[in-house]
């Protein structure tokens, strides 16, 4: 399954529009005719661990945006993400 199809199938309650960019995709999550949130899906997230992290982050962010408590699994994932490194600058 492609990165984009995996994201779309993980959010059946939203219409996910995508625009391809050199570094990945710009995703717009739309519900009831309004864009709820926009996120970049980087190409580096391709693969099992990266996509899981992205999907959990999106579930968390959408829950917070709608005034809901995010799932515990999405909060536990916060620890697994490292800070970006700027080696080579």
C-alpha atoms as a PDB file:
ATOM      1  CA  UNK A   1       0.000   0.000   0.000  1.00  0.00           C
ATOM      2  CA  UNK A   2       1.371   3.436  -0.858  1.00  0.00           C
ATOM      3  CA  UNK A   3       2.004   6.106   1.757  1.00  0.00           C
ATOM      4  CA  UNK A   4      -0.902   8.184   0.561  1.00  0.00           C
ATOM      5  CA  UNK A   5      -3.379   5.289   0.453  1.00  0.00           C
ATOM      6  CA  UNK A   6      -2.366   4.237   3.957  1.00  0.00           C
ATOM      7  CA  UNK A   7      -3.133   7.710   5.326  1.00  0.00           C
ATOM      8  CA  UNK A   8      -6.441   7.956   3.455  1.00  0.00           C
ATOM      9  CA  UNK A   9      -7.594   4.550   4.727  1.00  0.00           C
ATOM     10  CA  UNK A  10      -6.666   5.500   8.316  1.00  0.00           C
ATOM     11  CA  UNK A  11      -9.039   8.493   8.308  1.00  0.00           C
ATOM     12  CA  UNK A  12     -12.353   7.347   6.770  1.00  0.00           C
ATOM     13  CA  UNK A  13     -14.298  10.195   8.407  1.00  0.00           C
ATOM     14  CA  UNK A  14     -12.244  12.792   6.495  1.00  0.00           C
ATOM     15  CA  UNK A  15     -11.756  13.579   2.846  1.00  0.00           C
ATOM     16  CA  UNK A  16      -7.996  13.732   2.362  1.00  0.00           C
ATOM     17  CA  UNK A  17      -6.813  15.900  -0.526  1.00  0.00           C
ATOM     18  CA  UNK A  18      -3.169  15.706  -1.545  1.00  0.00           C
ATOM     19  CA  UNK A  19      -0.778  17.834  -3.525  1.00  0.00           C
ATOM     20  CA  UNK A  20       2.544  16.294  -4.474  1.00  0.00           C
ATOM     21  CA  UNK A  21       5.669  18.236  -3.552  1.00  0.00           C
ATOM     22  CA  UNK A  22       9.354  17.449  -4.114  1.00  0.00           C
ATOM     23  CA  UNK A  23       9.722  16.429  -0.450  1.00  0.00           C
ATOM     24  CA  UNK A  24       6.469  14.431  -0.152  1.00  0.00           C
ATOM     25  CA  UNK A  25       2.805  15.475  -0.073  1.00  0.00           C
ATOM     26  CA  UNK A  26       0.760  18.345   1.308  1.00  0.00           C
ATOM     27  CA  UNK A  27      -2.362  16.786   2.843  1.00  0.00           C
ATOM     28  CA  UNK A  28      -5.603  18.603   3.603  1.00  0.00           C
ATOM     29  CA  UNK A  29      -8.039  16.863   5.933  1.00  0.00           C
ATOM     30  CA  UNK A  30     -11.554  18.014   5.101  1.00  0.00           C
ATOM     31  CA  UNK A  31     -14.760  17.326   7.016  1.00  0.00           C
ATOM     32  CA  UNK A  32     -18.234  18.767   6.338  1.00  0.00           C
ATOM     33  CA  UNK A  33     -16.871  20.827   3.449  1.00  0.00           C
ATOM     34  CA  UNK A  34     -14.254  22.628   5.553  1.00  0.00           C
ATOM     35  CA  UNK A  35     -10.523  22.048   5.732  1.00  0.00           C
ATOM     36  CA  UNK A  36      -9.797  20.986   9.303  1.00  0.00           C
ATOM     37  CA  UNK A  37      -6.016  20.723   9.179  1.00  0.00           C
ATOM     38  CA  UNK A  38      -3.104  20.719   6.725  1.00  0.00           C
ATOM     39  CA  UNK A  39       0.034  18.634   7.167  1.00  0.00           C
ATOM     40  CA  UNK A  40       3.089  17.693   5.136  1.00  0.00           C
ATOM     41  CA  UNK A  41       3.722  13.977   4.724  1.00  0.00           C
ATOM     42  CA  UNK A  42       7.489  13.777   4.106  1.00  0.00           C
ATOM     43  CA  UNK A  43       8.926  11.095   1.825  1.00  0.00           C
ATOM     44  CA  UNK A  44      11.270  10.077   4.646  1.00  0.00           C
ATOM     45  CA  UNK A  45       8.232   8.689   6.520  1.00  0.00           C
ATOM     46  CA  UNK A  46       7.826   5.976   3.889  1.00  0.00           C
ATOM     47  CA  UNK A  47       7.969   2.629   5.640  1.00  0.00           C
ATOM     48  CA  UNK A  48       6.477   1.022   8.725  1.00  0.00           C
ATOM     49  CA  UNK A  49       7.817   3.092  11.659  1.00  0.00           C
ATOM     50  CA  UNK A  50       7.517   6.476   9.962  1.00  0.00           C
ATOM     51  CA  UNK A  51       3.952   5.978   8.780  1.00  0.00           C
ATOM     52  CA  UNK A  52       2.835   4.716  12.188  1.00  0.00           C
ATOM     53  CA  UNK A  53       4.262   7.831  13.810  1.00  0.00           C
ATOM     54  CA  UNK A  54       2.600  10.124  11.273  1.00  0.00           C
ATOM     55  CA  UNK A  55      -0.803   8.449  11.614  1.00  0.00           C
ATOM     56  CA  UNK A  56      -0.673   8.544  15.426  1.00  0.00           C
ATOM     57  CA  UNK A  57       0.324  12.225  15.309  1.00  0.00           C
ATOM     58  CA  UNK A  58      -2.598  13.011  13.029  1.00  0.00           C
ATOM     59  CA  UNK A  59      -5.100  11.160  15.249  1.00  0.00           C
ATOM     60  CA  UNK A  60      -3.768  13.128  18.228  1.00  0.00           C
ATOM     61  CA  UNK A  61      -3.858  16.491  16.443  1.00  0.00           C
ATOM     62  CA  UNK A  62      -7.348  15.962  15.029  1.00  0.00           C
ATOM     63  CA  UNK A  63      -8.673  14.908  18.448  1.00  0.00           C
ATOM     64  CA  UNK A  64      -7.190  18.026  20.057  1.00  0.00           C
ATOM     65  CA  UNK A  65      -8.553  20.205  17.260  1.00  0.00           C
ATOM     66  CA  UNK A  66     -12.053  18.832  17.907  1.00  0.00           C
ATOM     67  CA  UNK A  67     -11.809  19.301  21.678  1.00  0.00           C
ATOM     68  CA  UNK A  68     -11.479  15.589  22.410  1.00  0.00           C
ATOM     69  CA  UNK A  69      -8.972  13.749  24.523  1.00  0.00           C
ATOM     70  CA  UNK A  70      -6.371  12.171  22.256  1.00  0.00           C
ATOM     71  CA  UNK A  71      -5.934   8.388  22.406  1.00  0.00           C
ATOM     72  CA  UNK A  72      -3.310   7.218  24.915  1.00  0.00           C
ATOM     73  CA  UNK A  73      -1.373   5.459  22.159  1.00  0.00           C
ATOM     74  CA  UNK A  74      -0.772   8.764  20.391  1.00  0.00           C
ATOM     75  CA  UNK A  75       0.574  10.362  23.563  1.00  0.00           C
ATOM     76  CA  UNK A  76       2.946   7.469  24.212  1.00  0.00           C
ATOM     77  CA  UNK A  77       4.376   7.907  20.730  1.00  0.00           C
ATOM     78  CA  UNK A  78       5.628  11.394  21.627  1.00  0.00           C
ATOM     79  CA  UNK A  79       8.603   9.839  23.392  1.00  0.00           C
ATOM     80  CA  UNK A  80       9.679   7.794  20.383  1.00  0.00           C
ATOM     81  CA  UNK A  81      10.245  10.807  18.163  1.00  0.00           C
ATOM     82  CA  UNK A  82      13.634  12.402  18.301  1.00  0.00           C
ATOM     83  CA  UNK A  83      14.316  16.045  17.722  1.00  0.00           C
ATOM     84  CA  UNK A  84      15.437  16.995  14.230  1.00  0.00           C
ATOM     85  CA  UNK A  85      19.172  16.972  13.695  1.00  0.00           C
ATOM     86  CA  UNK A  86      20.988  19.540  11.658  1.00  0.00           C
ATOM     87  CA  UNK A  87      24.201  17.636  11.084  1.00  0.00           C
ATOM     88  CA  UNK A  88      26.046  18.697   8.003  1.00  0.00           C
ATOM     89  CA  UNK A  89      25.204  22.390   8.232  1.00  0.00           C
END
